[in-house]
Structure formats: structure tokens, C-alpha cells
N, C-alpha and C. Protein backbone atom coordinates (compact mmCIF):
# COMPACT_ATOMS: atom_id res chain seq x y z
N MET A 1 0.84 -1.16 0.00
CA MET A 1 0.00 -0.01 0.00
C MET A 1 0.89 1.23 0.00
N GLN A 2 0.66 2.10 -0.92
CA GLN A 2 1.47 3.30 -1.05
C GLN A 2 1.25 4.22 0.16
N HIS A 3 2.34 4.77 0.68
CA HIS A 3 2.33 5.69 1.82
C HIS A 3 1.73 5.07 3.08
N ALA A 4 1.82 3.74 3.20
CA ALA A 4 1.31 3.06 4.38
C ALA A 4 2.22 3.36 5.58
N ASP A 5 1.65 3.21 6.78
CA ASP A 5 2.44 3.36 8.00
C ASP A 5 3.22 2.06 8.20
N LYS A 6 4.48 2.08 7.83
CA LYS A 6 5.33 0.89 7.87
C LYS A 6 6.12 0.80 9.16
N GLY A 7 5.87 1.71 10.08
CA GLY A 7 6.70 1.75 11.29
C GLY A 7 8.04 2.35 10.91
N ASN A 8 8.94 2.40 11.87
CA ASN A 8 10.23 3.02 11.60
C ASN A 8 11.35 2.19 12.18
N ALA A 9 12.10 1.53 11.32
CA ALA A 9 13.29 0.81 11.76
C ALA A 9 14.41 1.83 11.88
N THR A 10 14.85 2.06 13.08
CA THR A 10 15.88 3.07 13.29
C THR A 10 17.27 2.46 13.13
N ASN A 11 18.19 3.30 12.81
CA ASN A 11 19.60 2.95 12.74
C ASN A 11 19.90 1.77 11.81
N LEU A 12 19.29 1.74 10.66
CA LEU A 12 19.63 0.71 9.68
C LEU A 12 21.03 0.97 9.17
N ASP A 13 21.87 -0.04 9.22
CA ASP A 13 23.26 0.08 8.80
C ASP A 13 23.61 -1.07 7.88
N GLY A 14 23.84 -0.77 6.63
CA GLY A 14 24.16 -1.79 5.65
C GLY A 14 25.66 -2.00 5.45
N THR A 15 26.48 -1.37 6.27
CA THR A 15 27.92 -1.50 6.13
C THR A 15 28.35 -2.97 6.20
N GLY A 16 29.09 -3.40 5.20
CA GLY A 16 29.61 -4.75 5.18
C GLY A 16 28.66 -5.80 4.65
N LEU A 17 27.42 -5.44 4.36
CA LEU A 17 26.47 -6.41 3.85
C LEU A 17 26.67 -6.62 2.35
N ARG A 18 26.44 -7.86 1.92
CA ARG A 18 26.45 -8.19 0.50
C ARG A 18 25.01 -8.41 0.07
N ILE A 19 24.58 -7.66 -0.94
CA ILE A 19 23.19 -7.68 -1.39
C ILE A 19 23.14 -8.04 -2.88
N GLY A 20 22.27 -8.97 -3.24
CA GLY A 20 22.03 -9.32 -4.62
C GLY A 20 20.68 -8.79 -5.07
N ILE A 21 20.65 -8.23 -6.25
CA ILE A 21 19.41 -7.69 -6.82
C ILE A 21 19.11 -8.42 -8.12
N VAL A 22 17.87 -8.91 -8.24
CA VAL A 22 17.40 -9.51 -9.49
C VAL A 22 16.29 -8.60 -10.01
N GLN A 23 16.49 -8.06 -11.19
CA GLN A 23 15.55 -7.13 -11.82
C GLN A 23 14.96 -7.72 -13.08
N ALA A 24 13.62 -7.77 -13.13
CA ALA A 24 12.95 -8.16 -14.36
C ALA A 24 12.97 -6.99 -15.34
N ARG A 25 13.18 -7.29 -16.62
CA ARG A 25 13.21 -6.23 -17.65
C ARG A 25 11.81 -5.87 -18.15
N PHE A 26 10.85 -6.77 -18.03
CA PHE A 26 9.50 -6.49 -18.51
C PHE A 26 8.98 -5.26 -17.77
N ASN A 27 8.39 -4.32 -18.50
CA ASN A 27 8.03 -3.01 -17.96
C ASN A 27 9.29 -2.29 -17.47
N GLU A 28 10.28 -2.27 -18.33
CA GLU A 28 11.64 -1.82 -18.00
C GLU A 28 11.71 -0.39 -17.47
N GLY A 29 10.89 0.49 -17.95
CA GLY A 29 10.93 1.85 -17.42
C GLY A 29 10.65 1.87 -15.93
N ILE A 30 9.69 1.07 -15.50
CA ILE A 30 9.35 0.98 -14.07
C ILE A 30 10.45 0.23 -13.32
N THR A 31 10.90 -0.89 -13.85
CA THR A 31 11.89 -1.69 -13.11
C THR A 31 13.25 -0.97 -13.04
N ASN A 32 13.57 -0.18 -14.05
CA ASN A 32 14.80 0.63 -13.95
C ASN A 32 14.68 1.65 -12.83
N ALA A 33 13.52 2.26 -12.69
CA ALA A 33 13.30 3.23 -11.61
C ALA A 33 13.34 2.53 -10.24
N LEU A 34 12.74 1.35 -10.15
CA LEU A 34 12.82 0.56 -8.91
C LEU A 34 14.28 0.29 -8.55
N ALA A 35 15.04 -0.15 -9.54
CA ALA A 35 16.46 -0.48 -9.31
C ALA A 35 17.26 0.75 -8.89
N SER A 36 17.03 1.86 -9.55
CA SER A 36 17.76 3.09 -9.20
C SER A 36 17.46 3.51 -7.78
N ALA A 37 16.20 3.48 -7.40
CA ALA A 37 15.82 3.88 -6.04
C ALA A 37 16.37 2.91 -5.01
N CYS A 38 16.35 1.63 -5.35
CA CYS A 38 16.88 0.61 -4.43
C CYS A 38 18.38 0.80 -4.23
N ARG A 39 19.10 0.94 -5.32
CA ARG A 39 20.57 1.08 -5.22
C ARG A 39 20.95 2.37 -4.50
N ALA A 40 20.22 3.45 -4.74
CA ALA A 40 20.50 4.71 -4.05
C ALA A 40 20.27 4.57 -2.56
N GLU A 41 19.20 3.89 -2.17
CA GLU A 41 18.91 3.70 -0.75
C GLU A 41 19.94 2.76 -0.11
N LEU A 42 20.34 1.72 -0.83
CA LEU A 42 21.39 0.83 -0.30
C LEU A 42 22.65 1.62 -0.02
N ALA A 43 23.02 2.50 -0.95
CA ALA A 43 24.22 3.33 -0.76
C ALA A 43 24.04 4.24 0.44
N ALA A 44 22.86 4.84 0.58
CA ALA A 44 22.59 5.73 1.71
C ALA A 44 22.67 4.98 3.03
N LEU A 45 22.37 3.68 3.01
CA LEU A 45 22.42 2.86 4.22
C LEU A 45 23.81 2.28 4.47
N GLY A 46 24.76 2.59 3.58
CA GLY A 46 26.14 2.17 3.81
C GLY A 46 26.60 0.93 3.08
N VAL A 47 25.75 0.37 2.21
CA VAL A 47 26.16 -0.79 1.43
C VAL A 47 27.09 -0.32 0.33
N ALA A 48 28.28 -0.88 0.28
CA ALA A 48 29.28 -0.48 -0.71
C ALA A 48 28.88 -0.97 -2.10
N GLU A 49 29.15 -0.16 -3.10
CA GLU A 49 28.83 -0.51 -4.50
C GLU A 49 29.40 -1.88 -4.88
N GLN A 50 30.61 -2.18 -4.45
CA GLN A 50 31.23 -3.45 -4.82
C GLN A 50 30.58 -4.64 -4.09
N ASP A 51 29.73 -4.38 -3.12
CA ASP A 51 29.02 -5.44 -2.40
C ASP A 51 27.61 -5.66 -2.93
N ILE A 52 27.30 -5.03 -4.05
CA ILE A 52 25.99 -5.19 -4.69
C ILE A 52 26.20 -5.93 -6.01
N THR A 53 25.49 -7.02 -6.18
CA THR A 53 25.45 -7.75 -7.45
C THR A 53 24.07 -7.55 -8.03
N HIS A 54 24.01 -7.08 -9.27
CA HIS A 54 22.74 -6.72 -9.91
C HIS A 54 22.64 -7.47 -11.23
N VAL A 55 21.64 -8.34 -11.33
CA VAL A 55 21.43 -9.09 -12.57
C VAL A 55 20.03 -8.81 -13.09
N GLN A 56 19.84 -9.03 -14.38
CA GLN A 56 18.54 -8.82 -15.00
C GLN A 56 18.04 -10.12 -15.63
N VAL A 57 16.72 -10.28 -15.63
CA VAL A 57 16.07 -11.42 -16.25
C VAL A 57 14.92 -10.90 -17.12
N PRO A 58 14.38 -11.72 -18.00
CA PRO A 58 13.33 -11.22 -18.89
C PRO A 58 12.08 -10.72 -18.17
N GLY A 59 11.56 -11.46 -17.21
CA GLY A 59 10.31 -11.05 -16.58
C GLY A 59 10.18 -11.57 -15.16
N ALA A 60 9.03 -11.31 -14.56
CA ALA A 60 8.81 -11.66 -13.15
C ALA A 60 8.87 -13.17 -12.90
N LEU A 61 8.44 -13.97 -13.85
CA LEU A 61 8.49 -15.42 -13.65
C LEU A 61 9.91 -15.96 -13.62
N GLU A 62 10.84 -15.24 -14.18
CA GLU A 62 12.23 -15.68 -14.17
C GLU A 62 12.99 -15.21 -12.94
N VAL A 63 12.44 -14.26 -12.21
CA VAL A 63 13.13 -13.72 -11.03
C VAL A 63 13.46 -14.80 -10.00
N PRO A 64 12.52 -15.69 -9.62
CA PRO A 64 12.86 -16.67 -8.57
C PRO A 64 14.02 -17.59 -8.93
N LEU A 65 14.12 -18.01 -10.17
CA LEU A 65 15.23 -18.88 -10.56
C LEU A 65 16.57 -18.16 -10.42
N ALA A 66 16.60 -16.89 -10.81
CA ALA A 66 17.85 -16.12 -10.65
C ALA A 66 18.15 -15.91 -9.17
N LEU A 67 17.12 -15.67 -8.35
CA LEU A 67 17.34 -15.55 -6.90
C LEU A 67 17.92 -16.84 -6.35
N GLN A 68 17.39 -17.96 -6.80
CA GLN A 68 17.90 -19.26 -6.36
C GLN A 68 19.36 -19.44 -6.78
N GLY A 69 19.68 -19.06 -7.99
CA GLY A 69 21.06 -19.17 -8.46
C GLY A 69 22.00 -18.33 -7.61
N LEU A 70 21.60 -17.10 -7.28
CA LEU A 70 22.43 -16.26 -6.41
C LEU A 70 22.56 -16.87 -5.02
N ALA A 71 21.46 -17.40 -4.51
CA ALA A 71 21.49 -18.01 -3.17
C ALA A 71 22.41 -19.22 -3.14
N GLU A 72 22.43 -19.99 -4.19
CA GLU A 72 23.23 -21.22 -4.23
C GLU A 72 24.72 -20.95 -4.48
N HIS A 73 25.03 -19.94 -5.26
CA HIS A 73 26.39 -19.79 -5.75
C HIS A 73 27.14 -18.58 -5.23
N ALA A 74 26.58 -17.85 -4.31
CA ALA A 74 27.27 -16.68 -3.80
C ALA A 74 26.88 -16.50 -2.33
N ASP A 75 27.65 -15.71 -1.64
CA ASP A 75 27.43 -15.48 -0.22
C ASP A 75 26.80 -14.12 -0.01
N PHE A 76 25.48 -14.09 -0.02
CA PHE A 76 24.75 -12.83 0.17
C PHE A 76 24.11 -12.80 1.54
N ASP A 77 23.97 -11.59 2.07
CA ASP A 77 23.25 -11.39 3.33
C ASP A 77 21.76 -11.23 3.09
N ALA A 78 21.39 -10.74 1.91
CA ALA A 78 19.99 -10.58 1.52
C ALA A 78 19.92 -10.42 0.02
N LEU A 79 18.74 -10.68 -0.51
CA LEU A 79 18.47 -10.50 -1.93
C LEU A 79 17.27 -9.58 -2.09
N VAL A 80 17.17 -8.99 -3.28
CA VAL A 80 16.06 -8.10 -3.62
C VAL A 80 15.48 -8.55 -4.94
N ALA A 81 14.16 -8.69 -5.00
CA ALA A 81 13.45 -9.03 -6.23
C ALA A 81 12.73 -7.78 -6.73
N LEU A 82 13.02 -7.39 -7.96
CA LEU A 82 12.39 -6.20 -8.55
C LEU A 82 11.65 -6.57 -9.82
N GLY A 83 10.44 -6.12 -9.95
CA GLY A 83 9.66 -6.37 -11.15
C GLY A 83 8.39 -5.55 -11.14
N CYS A 84 7.67 -5.60 -12.24
CA CYS A 84 6.43 -4.85 -12.36
C CYS A 84 5.45 -5.65 -13.21
N ILE A 85 4.31 -5.98 -12.60
CA ILE A 85 3.27 -6.72 -13.30
C ILE A 85 2.04 -5.80 -13.34
N ILE A 86 1.61 -5.46 -14.54
CA ILE A 86 0.47 -4.58 -14.72
C ILE A 86 -0.69 -5.40 -15.27
N ARG A 87 -1.85 -5.28 -14.61
CA ARG A 87 -3.01 -6.07 -15.03
C ARG A 87 -3.33 -5.82 -16.51
N GLY A 88 -3.61 -6.90 -17.19
CA GLY A 88 -4.04 -6.81 -18.58
C GLY A 88 -5.48 -7.29 -18.69
N GLU A 89 -5.83 -7.79 -19.84
CA GLU A 89 -7.20 -8.20 -20.09
C GLU A 89 -7.41 -9.70 -19.90
N THR A 90 -6.36 -10.43 -19.51
CA THR A 90 -6.47 -11.88 -19.39
C THR A 90 -6.05 -12.32 -17.98
N TYR A 91 -6.22 -13.59 -17.74
CA TYR A 91 -5.86 -14.22 -16.46
C TYR A 91 -4.34 -14.25 -16.23
N HIS A 92 -3.57 -13.97 -17.24
CA HIS A 92 -2.12 -14.04 -17.14
C HIS A 92 -1.58 -13.19 -15.99
N PHE A 93 -2.17 -12.06 -15.71
CA PHE A 93 -1.75 -11.21 -14.60
C PHE A 93 -1.74 -11.98 -13.29
N GLU A 94 -2.84 -12.68 -12.98
CA GLU A 94 -2.94 -13.44 -11.74
C GLU A 94 -1.90 -14.55 -11.70
N LEU A 95 -1.72 -15.22 -12.81
CA LEU A 95 -0.74 -16.31 -12.88
C LEU A 95 0.64 -15.79 -12.57
N VAL A 96 1.07 -14.75 -13.24
CA VAL A 96 2.41 -14.21 -13.07
C VAL A 96 2.59 -13.66 -11.65
N ALA A 97 1.61 -12.92 -11.16
CA ALA A 97 1.71 -12.33 -9.82
C ALA A 97 1.78 -13.43 -8.76
N ASN A 98 0.89 -14.39 -8.83
CA ASN A 98 0.85 -15.45 -7.81
C ASN A 98 2.08 -16.34 -7.86
N GLU A 99 2.45 -16.77 -9.05
CA GLU A 99 3.57 -17.70 -9.17
C GLU A 99 4.91 -17.04 -8.84
N SER A 100 5.11 -15.82 -9.29
CA SER A 100 6.40 -15.15 -8.98
C SER A 100 6.50 -14.86 -7.48
N GLY A 101 5.39 -14.46 -6.88
CA GLY A 101 5.40 -14.18 -5.44
C GLY A 101 5.65 -15.42 -4.61
N ALA A 102 4.95 -16.49 -4.92
CA ALA A 102 5.11 -17.74 -4.16
C ALA A 102 6.52 -18.31 -4.34
N ALA A 103 7.03 -18.29 -5.54
CA ALA A 103 8.36 -18.85 -5.78
C ALA A 103 9.45 -18.00 -5.13
N THR A 104 9.28 -16.69 -5.13
CA THR A 104 10.24 -15.81 -4.46
C THR A 104 10.27 -16.11 -2.97
N THR A 105 9.11 -16.24 -2.36
CA THR A 105 9.04 -16.59 -0.95
C THR A 105 9.68 -17.95 -0.69
N ARG A 106 9.42 -18.91 -1.54
CA ARG A 106 9.97 -20.25 -1.39
C ARG A 106 11.49 -20.24 -1.40
N VAL A 107 12.10 -19.45 -2.28
CA VAL A 107 13.57 -19.37 -2.33
C VAL A 107 14.11 -18.86 -0.99
N GLY A 108 13.50 -17.81 -0.46
CA GLY A 108 13.94 -17.28 0.82
C GLY A 108 13.84 -18.30 1.93
N LEU A 109 12.73 -19.03 1.98
CA LEU A 109 12.56 -20.04 3.02
C LEU A 109 13.52 -21.21 2.82
N ASP A 110 13.68 -21.66 1.58
CA ASP A 110 14.57 -22.80 1.32
C ASP A 110 16.03 -22.50 1.68
N TYR A 111 16.45 -21.28 1.45
CA TYR A 111 17.86 -20.92 1.66
C TYR A 111 18.08 -20.12 2.94
N HIS A 112 17.01 -19.90 3.72
CA HIS A 112 17.12 -19.13 4.97
C HIS A 112 17.80 -17.79 4.69
N LEU A 113 17.32 -17.15 3.65
CA LEU A 113 17.93 -15.91 3.18
C LEU A 113 16.84 -14.86 2.99
N PRO A 114 16.98 -13.69 3.60
CA PRO A 114 15.96 -12.65 3.40
C PRO A 114 15.88 -12.22 1.95
N ILE A 115 14.66 -12.11 1.46
CA ILE A 115 14.41 -11.59 0.11
C ILE A 115 13.38 -10.50 0.23
N ALA A 116 13.76 -9.30 -0.14
CA ALA A 116 12.83 -8.17 -0.20
C ALA A 116 12.11 -8.23 -1.55
N ASN A 117 10.83 -8.52 -1.49
CA ASN A 117 10.06 -8.69 -2.72
C ASN A 117 9.43 -7.37 -3.13
N ALA A 118 10.02 -6.75 -4.15
CA ALA A 118 9.47 -5.52 -4.71
C ALA A 118 9.04 -5.77 -6.16
N ILE A 119 8.39 -6.90 -6.37
CA ILE A 119 7.72 -7.14 -7.65
C ILE A 119 6.34 -6.53 -7.47
N ILE A 120 6.18 -5.33 -7.98
CA ILE A 120 4.92 -4.61 -7.76
C ILE A 120 3.86 -5.10 -8.72
N THR A 121 2.62 -5.10 -8.25
CA THR A 121 1.47 -5.48 -9.07
C THR A 121 0.49 -4.33 -9.03
N THR A 122 0.12 -3.87 -10.19
CA THR A 122 -0.78 -2.71 -10.26
C THR A 122 -1.84 -2.92 -11.33
N GLU A 123 -2.84 -2.08 -11.24
CA GLU A 123 -3.94 -2.12 -12.21
C GLU A 123 -3.55 -1.43 -13.52
N ASN A 124 -2.62 -0.45 -13.43
CA ASN A 124 -2.29 0.31 -14.63
C ASN A 124 -0.90 0.95 -14.48
N LEU A 125 -0.43 1.52 -15.57
CA LEU A 125 0.90 2.14 -15.60
C LEU A 125 0.99 3.31 -14.63
N GLU A 126 -0.05 4.08 -14.50
CA GLU A 126 -0.02 5.24 -13.61
C GLU A 126 0.22 4.81 -12.16
N GLN A 127 -0.40 3.74 -11.71
CA GLN A 127 -0.17 3.22 -10.37
C GLN A 127 1.28 2.74 -10.21
N ALA A 128 1.82 2.10 -11.23
CA ALA A 128 3.20 1.62 -11.17
C ALA A 128 4.17 2.79 -11.05
N ILE A 129 3.96 3.83 -11.84
CA ILE A 129 4.83 5.01 -11.78
C ILE A 129 4.75 5.65 -10.40
N ALA A 130 3.55 5.71 -9.85
CA ALA A 130 3.38 6.34 -8.52
C ALA A 130 4.10 5.56 -7.43
N ARG A 131 4.34 4.27 -7.62
CA ARG A 131 4.93 3.43 -6.59
C ARG A 131 6.41 3.11 -6.79
N GLN A 132 6.94 3.36 -7.97
CA GLN A 132 8.27 2.86 -8.32
C GLN A 132 9.39 3.32 -7.38
N THR A 133 9.42 4.56 -7.01
CA THR A 133 10.52 5.05 -6.17
C THR A 133 10.37 4.57 -4.73
N GLU A 134 9.18 4.73 -4.17
CA GLU A 134 8.96 4.31 -2.78
C GLU A 134 9.23 2.81 -2.61
N LYS A 135 8.76 1.99 -3.52
CA LYS A 135 8.94 0.55 -3.41
C LYS A 135 10.39 0.16 -3.60
N GLY A 136 11.12 0.85 -4.44
CA GLY A 136 12.55 0.57 -4.59
C GLY A 136 13.32 0.87 -3.31
N ARG A 137 13.01 2.01 -2.70
CA ARG A 137 13.64 2.37 -1.41
C ARG A 137 13.24 1.38 -0.33
N ASP A 138 11.96 1.04 -0.28
CA ASP A 138 11.49 0.09 0.72
C ASP A 138 12.24 -1.23 0.62
N ALA A 139 12.44 -1.71 -0.60
CA ALA A 139 13.12 -2.99 -0.80
C ALA A 139 14.52 -2.96 -0.21
N ALA A 140 15.23 -1.86 -0.41
CA ALA A 140 16.59 -1.74 0.15
C ALA A 140 16.54 -1.77 1.67
N ARG A 141 15.61 -1.06 2.24
CA ARG A 141 15.49 -0.99 3.70
C ARG A 141 15.10 -2.36 4.29
N VAL A 142 14.19 -3.05 3.64
CA VAL A 142 13.80 -4.39 4.09
C VAL A 142 14.99 -5.34 4.01
N ALA A 143 15.74 -5.29 2.94
CA ALA A 143 16.89 -6.18 2.79
C ALA A 143 17.91 -5.96 3.92
N VAL A 144 18.21 -4.71 4.21
CA VAL A 144 19.19 -4.41 5.27
C VAL A 144 18.63 -4.82 6.64
N GLU A 145 17.39 -4.45 6.90
CA GLU A 145 16.80 -4.78 8.21
C GLU A 145 16.75 -6.29 8.44
N MET A 146 16.31 -7.03 7.43
CA MET A 146 16.18 -8.47 7.59
C MET A 146 17.53 -9.17 7.63
N ALA A 147 18.50 -8.65 6.89
CA ALA A 147 19.85 -9.23 6.97
C ALA A 147 20.40 -9.09 8.38
N ARG A 148 20.22 -7.94 8.96
CA ARG A 148 20.68 -7.72 10.34
C ARG A 148 19.91 -8.58 11.33
N LEU A 149 18.61 -8.72 11.13
CA LEU A 149 17.82 -9.55 12.02
C LEU A 149 18.27 -11.01 11.94
N MET A 150 18.46 -11.52 10.75
CA MET A 150 18.88 -12.92 10.59
C MET A 150 20.27 -13.14 11.20
N ALA A 151 21.15 -12.17 11.08
CA ALA A 151 22.47 -12.29 11.72
C ALA A 151 22.33 -12.32 13.24
N HIS A 152 21.38 -11.59 13.75
CA HIS A 152 21.13 -11.58 15.19
C HIS A 152 20.51 -12.90 15.67
N ILE A 153 19.64 -13.48 14.87
CA ILE A 153 18.94 -14.72 15.22
C ILE A 153 19.86 -15.92 15.13
N ALA A 154 20.77 -15.94 14.16
CA ALA A 154 21.61 -17.12 13.90
C ALA A 154 22.31 -17.67 15.15
N PRO A 155 22.92 -16.84 15.98
CA PRO A 155 23.60 -17.39 17.17
C PRO A 155 22.63 -17.97 18.21
N LEU A 156 21.33 -17.67 18.09
CA LEU A 156 20.35 -18.16 19.04
C LEU A 156 19.93 -19.60 18.75
N ALA A 157 20.25 -20.09 17.54
CA ALA A 157 19.85 -21.45 17.14
C ALA A 157 20.61 -22.48 17.98
N PRO A 158 19.95 -23.57 18.33
CA PRO A 158 20.65 -24.62 19.10
C PRO A 158 21.83 -25.16 18.30
N GLN A 159 22.90 -25.42 19.00
CA GLN A 159 24.11 -25.95 18.35
C GLN A 159 24.01 -27.47 18.27
N ASP A 160 24.48 -28.05 17.18
CA ASP A 160 24.49 -29.49 17.00
C ASP A 160 25.60 -30.06 17.87
N THR A 161 25.24 -30.92 18.81
CA THR A 161 26.26 -31.49 19.71
C THR A 161 26.58 -32.93 19.38
N ASN A 162 26.12 -33.40 18.23
CA ASN A 162 26.41 -34.78 17.81
C ASN A 162 27.70 -34.85 17.04
N ASP A 163 28.80 -34.85 17.74
CA ASP A 163 30.12 -34.95 17.07
C ASP A 163 30.66 -36.32 17.09
């Protein structure tokens, strides 16, 4: 929801974090704006440019596979999914929105890796334009906050004593 009361995570610090971004090219004007806002916010939070890996895929349905590839083959603290699905005249909108969202969530759960899902779904281009900057910034903030939370939680897990 645009301009929603999201609460306020204070003192977000992305210093030293490695963040992977997967951007869908479909609706590229919107996804480029999402990516720009996300990268600018990551920089503002202290994430170094060399600690950001940014890849592109054709569309929202391809985003989860690329997220999975990054999760399997690199050491990231969090990932970001960027895309834009605009309702059309067919059922395809629901299919793409539901499947990309569920698969993105599944990757995060399977790999115990935070994924900020900023694959926006809108009724029209005007709604997408109105949300592109805020959602890009939000994705960066979510990635940093959740990476820090997961780092805090990890030492709390029971240690395996079966040696």
C-alpha cells in the first residue's frame, strides 16, 4: 500500500552487507526506476557498491530462478526481487503475480535468506509510476533490516552437539 504506515526501523546500517538484486526487464521503465531507487537507498544505508550484485532477467516469472542461483552460488546477506506486473485483459496477470510471489518466498525459506520482494502489481501504468521510487527504497530498507535480524537470530539457534 502506497504511503502506508510501515513503522520506523531506526539505525539501519548496511555496512559490510552483500546484497544481490534481481531485476525483471518487462516493464523496464518501471523496473529501472525501482532499481535506481533501491541502489541509491542501499548506498545511503552504507552498502558499498562493490558489495551489490545486480542481474537482469526477462520477466517476473524468471526472477525466482535467478534468486535461487544467487542463493546457491554466492554469499549474500539478503536478496532483492524487482519487477512490475500490470493487469491486462487476461488471467495471465494473476498467474504471473501469484507464481512469482510464491516462488520468491519459497527461495527465501529454502535458503534461509531474506528476500525483499518488490515485484509490484498494479492495475495500470499510472499506479506503477506512482509506486516505483517508494517501493525501490522500501526494498533496500527491508533487505538491510532483515539481513541484520537474521544475523542476530543465527547465534540463538541450538548448536548441533552430535560430534
